[in-house]
Amino acid sequence: MRRLILSLVTIALLLATGFAHAAELTKEQIEQIVRDYIKAHPEVVVEALQAMEQQRREAARQQARQNIVARRDELLRDAGTPVGGHPAGDVTVVEFFDYACGHCKNVEATVKQLLLDDKQVRFVYKELPILGESSVTAARAALASRAQDKYVPFHHALMELKEPLTDAAIFRVAQQVGLDVPRLKQEMNAPAIEEAIRKNYALAEALAITGTPAFVVGDDVSPGALPLTRLKQMIARARQAPPAR
């Protein structure tokens, strides 16, 4: 905002007085010139604020890209993170999601279609429970289901759940996909499960991810329920980039 004001002062002085007389103006005269100029050209303020916001977003994107490079192993190869698709695929897609997130549920069909269309995609599931206690319960249960080799079917079933996400619904779905629910309840409280979720929170913060879903492909971070064409474009760019899964 300070930079915006200084820019407006400069514009006003140049327009109203020219370089030769600008130094002769008092502070009050300068402030009046700025006020008059803003009243006459309010669009300048809007354009300046839009430019500042664009610069802020671009800076955040650049920082996120740097963090992707710095934390690539944690992002792509963390032992506590489930993996689907082709385990040795040539491109990795990472999704941050929450089982209570409507947009995550909406994009689930797109993700499944992507994995059907492209058999060389490796898919990393990053649990990011940010929408309440039931979200945390679901994330813990999903991560614990890996011990019973049921993560992917349990994940899909939770994403396809039409009713509100409650603890009762979570464990009913777990039973429906063949999980040993008493064992699941015991293992979902293990310290390793809590640590995996904590690391996902920290990683999301480092990548400027503030909501779900969010996708990371190569050095790109894209929030929102992306269409299939957008995901495929990101994958195509990643394939053309230097190898770095």
Foldseek 3Di string as FASTA:
>chain_A
DVVLLVVLLVVLCCVPPNPVCSVVDDPVRSVVSSVVVCVVCVVSVVVVVVVVVVVVVVVLLVQLLVLCVVCVCVQPPDPLWDKDAPQQAQWEKEKEAFLQDPQLLVLLVLVVVLSVVDRRYMYIYQYAHDPDDLRLVLQLLLSLCVVVVCNVVLVNQSSNDPDGRDPVVSLVSCVVSPHPSVSSVVRSPDPSSVVSNVSSVVSCVSNVNDDPTWMDIQSDIGHTSDHNVVVVVSNVVSSVDDRDD
